[in-house]
Amino acid sequence: MSIGLDIGRFEIKAVQLSKSPKGYQLVNYGTEPVYDQTKEYDSERVD
């Protein structure tokens, strides 16, 4: 079982892979925003 993680500016993405005879198979995936969706995005703001 392998896990991939992408931490981006707007969201975090994760995938879970399993190895099969033909290569890799996607088992599960998910995304989660990393900013408050109720507020307007400001690239200059540092929290």
PDB file of N, CA and C in Angstrom:
ATOM      1  N   MET A   1       0.846  -1.167   0.000  1.00  0.00           N
ATOM      2  CA  MET A   1       0.000   0.000   0.000  1.00  0.00           C
ATOM      3  C   MET A   1       0.899   1.242   0.000  1.00  0.00           C
ATOM      4  N   SER A   2       0.593   2.180  -0.860  1.00  0.00           N
ATOM      5  CA  SER A   2       1.340   3.439  -0.940  1.00  0.00           C
ATOM      6  C   SER A   2       0.378   4.609  -0.791  1.00  0.00           C
ATOM      7  N   ILE A   3       0.888   5.703  -0.265  1.00  0.00           N
ATOM      8  CA  ILE A   3       0.090   6.921  -0.085  1.00  0.00           C
ATOM      9  C   ILE A   3       0.824   8.082  -0.738  1.00  0.00           C
ATOM     10  N   GLY A   4       0.097   8.894  -1.497  1.00  0.00           N
ATOM     11  CA  GLY A   4       0.641  10.111  -2.090  1.00  0.00           C
ATOM     12  C   GLY A   4      -0.039  11.310  -1.462  1.00  0.00           C
ATOM     13  N   LEU A   5       0.733  12.381  -1.233  1.00  0.00           N
ATOM     14  CA  LEU A   5       0.206  13.580  -0.585  1.00  0.00           C
ATOM     15  C   LEU A   5       0.678  14.803  -1.354  1.00  0.00           C
ATOM     16  N   ASP A   6      -0.255  15.703  -1.673  1.00  0.00           N
ATOM     17  CA  ASP A   6       0.056  16.952  -2.365  1.00  0.00           C
ATOM     18  C   ASP A   6      -0.480  18.096  -1.509  1.00  0.00           C
ATOM     19  N   ILE A   7       0.430  18.879  -0.944  1.00  0.00           N
ATOM     20  CA  ILE A   7       0.032  20.022  -0.118  1.00  0.00           C
ATOM     21  C   ILE A   7       0.140  21.265  -0.980  1.00  0.00           C
ATOM     22  N   GLY A   8      -1.003  21.764  -1.403  1.00  0.00           N
ATOM     23  CA  GLY A   8      -1.042  22.926  -2.278  1.00  0.00           C
ATOM     24  C   GLY A   8      -1.444  24.184  -1.538  1.00  0.00           C
ATOM     25  N   ARG A   9      -1.568  25.255  -2.275  1.00  0.00           N
ATOM     26  CA  ARG A   9      -1.936  26.549  -1.701  1.00  0.00           C
ATOM     27  C   ARG A   9      -3.378  26.602  -1.245  1.00  0.00           C
ATOM     28  N   PHE A  10      -4.242  25.893  -1.961  1.00  0.00           N
ATOM     29  CA  PHE A  10      -5.673  25.975  -1.691  1.00  0.00           C
ATOM     30  C   PHE A  10      -6.244  24.722  -1.047  1.00  0.00           C
ATOM     31  N   GLU A  11      -5.633  23.560  -1.291  1.00  0.00           N
ATOM     32  CA  GLU A  11      -6.146  22.331  -0.701  1.00  0.00           C
ATOM     33  C   GLU A  11      -5.063  21.272  -0.601  1.00  0.00           C
ATOM     34  N   ILE A  12      -5.315  20.311   0.265  1.00  0.00           N
ATOM     35  CA  ILE A  12      -4.440  19.157   0.422  1.00  0.00           C
ATOM     36  C   ILE A  12      -5.128  17.981  -0.258  1.00  0.00           C
ATOM     37  N   LYS A  13      -4.368  17.258  -1.092  1.00  0.00           N
ATOM     38  CA  LYS A  13      -4.908  16.102  -1.783  1.00  0.00           C
ATOM     39  C   LYS A  13      -4.125  14.868  -1.359  1.00  0.00           C
ATOM     40  N   ALA A  14      -4.837  13.756  -1.144  1.00  0.00           N
ATOM     41  CA  ALA A  14      -4.194  12.500  -0.760  1.00  0.00           C
ATOM     42  C   ALA A  14      -4.768  11.364  -1.595  1.00  0.00           C
ATOM     43  N   VAL A  15      -3.896  10.403  -1.973  1.00  0.00           N
ATOM     44  CA  VAL A  15      -4.329   9.216  -2.692  1.00  0.00           C
ATOM     45  C   VAL A  15      -3.737   7.988  -2.017  1.00  0.00           C
ATOM     46  N   GLN A  16      -4.463   6.896  -2.090  1.00  0.00           N
ATOM     47  CA  GLN A  16      -3.991   5.614  -1.577  1.00  0.00           C
ATOM     48  C   GLN A  16      -3.937   4.665  -2.772  1.00  0.00           C
ATOM     49  N   LEU A  17      -2.776   4.044  -2.988  1.00  0.00           N
ATOM     50  CA  LEU A  17      -2.566   3.165  -4.127  1.00  0.00           C
ATOM     51  C   LEU A  17      -2.191   1.767  -3.657  1.00  0.00           C
ATOM     52  N   SER A  18      -2.550   0.778  -4.464  1.00  0.00           N
ATOM     53  CA  SER A  18      -2.083  -0.583  -4.197  1.00  0.00           C
ATOM     54  C   SER A  18      -1.421  -1.102  -5.470  1.00  0.00           C
ATOM     55  N   LYS A  19      -0.392  -1.919  -5.292  1.00  0.00           N
ATOM     56  CA  LYS A  19       0.334  -2.467  -6.434  1.00  0.00           C
ATOM     57  C   LYS A  19      -0.389  -3.706  -6.941  1.00  0.00           C
ATOM     58  N   SER A  20      -0.565  -3.767  -8.250  1.00  0.00           N
ATOM     59  CA  SER A  20      -1.206  -4.916  -8.875  1.00  0.00           C
ATOM     60  C   SER A  20      -0.263  -5.453  -9.957  1.00  0.00           C
ATOM     61  N   PRO A  21      -0.557  -6.600 -10.520  1.00  0.00           N
ATOM     62  CA  PRO A  21       0.313  -7.146 -11.571  1.00  0.00           C
ATOM     63  C   PRO A  21       0.448  -6.215 -12.781  1.00  0.00           C
ATOM     64  N   LYS A  22      -0.544  -5.386 -13.041  1.00  0.00           N
ATOM     65  CA  LYS A  22      -0.508  -4.477 -14.192  1.00  0.00           C
ATOM     66  C   LYS A  22       0.016  -3.091 -13.840  1.00  0.00           C
ATOM     67  N   GLY A  23       0.412  -2.854 -12.601  1.00  0.00           N
ATOM     68  CA  GLY A  23       0.892  -1.539 -12.181  1.00  0.00           C
ATOM     69  C   GLY A  23       0.294  -1.155 -10.840  1.00  0.00           C
ATOM     70  N   TYR A  24      -0.202   0.064 -10.758  1.00  0.00           N
ATOM     71  CA  TYR A  24      -0.814   0.546  -9.517  1.00  0.00           C
ATOM     72  C   TYR A  24      -2.295   0.783  -9.729  1.00  0.00           C
ATOM     73  N   GLN A  25      -3.063   0.604  -8.668  1.00  0.00           N
ATOM     74  CA  GLN A  25      -4.509   0.800  -8.710  1.00  0.00           C
ATOM     75  C   GLN A  25      -4.887   1.818  -7.638  1.00  0.00           C
ATOM     76  N   LEU A  26      -5.737   2.772  -8.007  1.00  0.00           N
ATOM     77  CA  LEU A  26      -6.226   3.769  -7.065  1.00  0.00           C
ATOM     78  C   LEU A  26      -7.232   3.116  -6.126  1.00  0.00           C
ATOM     79  N   VAL A  27      -6.960   3.169  -4.830  1.00  0.00           N
ATOM     80  CA  VAL A  27      -7.833   2.565  -3.826  1.00  0.00           C
ATOM     81  C   VAL A  27      -8.760   3.608  -3.227  1.00  0.00           C
ATOM     82  N   ASN A  28      -8.215   4.792  -2.923  1.00  0.00           N
ATOM     83  CA  ASN A  28      -8.994   5.828  -2.258  1.00  0.00           C
ATOM     84  C   ASN A  28      -8.339   7.179  -2.529  1.00  0.00           C
ATOM     85  N   TYR A  29      -9.112   8.245  -2.442  1.00  0.00           N
ATOM     86  CA  TYR A  29      -8.563   9.587  -2.598  1.00  0.00           C
ATOM     87  C   TYR A  29      -9.389  10.570  -1.782  1.00  0.00           C
ATOM     88  N   GLY A  30      -8.831  11.740  -1.512  1.00  0.00           N
ATOM     89  CA  GLY A  30      -9.565  12.765  -0.781  1.00  0.00           C
ATOM     90  C   GLY A  30      -8.904  14.117  -0.922  1.00  0.00           C
ATOM     91  N   THR A  31      -9.685  15.165  -0.712  1.00  0.00           N
ATOM     92  CA  THR A  31      -9.183  16.538  -0.737  1.00  0.00           C
ATOM     93  C   THR A  31      -9.759  17.289   0.452  1.00  0.00           C
ATOM     94  N   GLU A  32      -9.026  18.288   0.892  1.00  0.00           N
ATOM     95  CA  GLU A  32      -9.484  19.116   2.013  1.00  0.00           C
ATOM     96  C   GLU A  32      -8.951  20.539   1.798  1.00  0.00           C
ATOM     97  N   PRO A  33      -9.829  21.551   1.825  1.00  0.00           N
ATOM     98  CA  PRO A  33      -9.350  22.928   1.679  1.00  0.00           C
ATOM     99  C   PRO A  33      -8.470  23.325   2.865  1.00  0.00           C
ATOM    100  N   VAL A  34      -7.486  24.184   2.603  1.00  0.00           N
ATOM    101  CA  VAL A  34      -6.585  24.636   3.669  1.00  0.00           C
ATOM    102  C   VAL A  34      -6.812  26.095   4.037  1.00  0.00           C
ATOM    103  N   TYR A  35      -7.880  26.666   3.552  1.00  0.00           N
ATOM    104  CA  TYR A  35      -8.227  28.036   3.909  1.00  0.00           C
ATOM    105  C   TYR A  35      -9.698  28.086   4.301  1.00  0.00           C
ATOM    106  N   ASP A  36     -10.075  29.125   4.966  1.00  0.00           N
ATOM    107  CA  ASP A  36     -11.458  29.302   5.408  1.00  0.00           C
ATOM    108  C   ASP A  36     -12.305  29.746   4.214  1.00  0.00           C
ATOM    109  N   GLN A  37     -13.232  28.888   3.786  1.00  0.00           N
ATOM    110  CA  GLN A  37     -14.042  29.191   2.609  1.00  0.00           C
ATOM    111  C   GLN A  37     -15.029  30.328   2.841  1.00  0.00           C
ATOM    112  N   THR A  38     -15.258  30.700   4.100  1.00  0.00           N
ATOM    113  CA  THR A  38     -16.195  31.789   4.377  1.00  0.00           C
ATOM    114  C   THR A  38     -15.545  33.153   4.222  1.00  0.00           C
ATOM    115  N   LYS A  39     -14.203  33.184   4.151  1.00  0.00           N
ATOM    116  CA  LYS A  39     -13.482  34.447   3.985  1.00  0.00           C
ATOM    117  C   LYS A  39     -12.918  34.538   2.573  1.00  0.00           C
ATOM    118  N   GLU A  40     -12.763  35.757   2.091  1.00  0.00           N
ATOM    119  CA  GLU A  40     -12.164  35.964   0.785  1.00  0.00           C
ATOM    120  C   GLU A  40     -10.675  35.633   0.866  1.00  0.00           C
ATOM    121  N   TYR A  41     -10.138  34.957  -0.155  1.00  0.00           N
ATOM    122  CA  TYR A  41      -8.729  34.581  -0.171  1.00  0.00           C
ATOM    123  C   TYR A  41      -7.847  35.807  -0.396  1.00  0.00           C
ATOM    124  N   ASP A  42      -6.827  35.952   0.432  1.00  0.00           N
ATOM    125  CA  ASP A  42      -5.871  37.061   0.319  1.00  0.00           C
ATOM    126  C   ASP A  42      -4.469  36.467   0.329  1.00  0.00           C
ATOM    127  N   SER A  43      -3.770  36.517  -0.803  1.00  0.00           N
ATOM    128  CA  SER A  43      -2.441  35.908  -0.909  1.00  0.00           C
ATOM    129  C   SER A  43      -1.400  36.600  -0.045  1.00  0.00           C
ATOM    130  N   GLU A  44      -1.663  37.818   0.406  1.00  0.00           N
ATOM    131  CA  GLU A  44      -0.715  38.568   1.233  1.00  0.00           C
ATOM    132  C   GLU A  44      -0.893  38.296   2.736  1.00  0.00           C
ATOM    133  N   ARG A  45      -2.033  37.727   3.114  1.00  0.00           N
ATOM    134  CA  ARG A  45      -2.330  37.481   4.512  1.00  0.00           C
ATOM    135  C   ARG A  45      -1.533  36.285   5.043  1.00  0.00           C
ATOM    136  N   VAL A  46      -0.953  36.426   6.212  1.00  0.00           N
ATOM    137  CA  VAL A  46      -0.237  35.342   6.862  1.00  0.00           C
ATOM    138  C   VAL A  46      -0.874  35.118   8.228  1.00  0.00           C
ATOM    139  N   ASP A  47      -1.378  33.913   8.438  1.00  0.00           N
ATOM    140  CA  ASP A  47      -2.017  33.598   9.721  1.00  0.00           C
ATOM    141  C   ASP A  47      -1.063  32.855  10.605  1.00  0.00           C
TER     142      ASP A  47
END
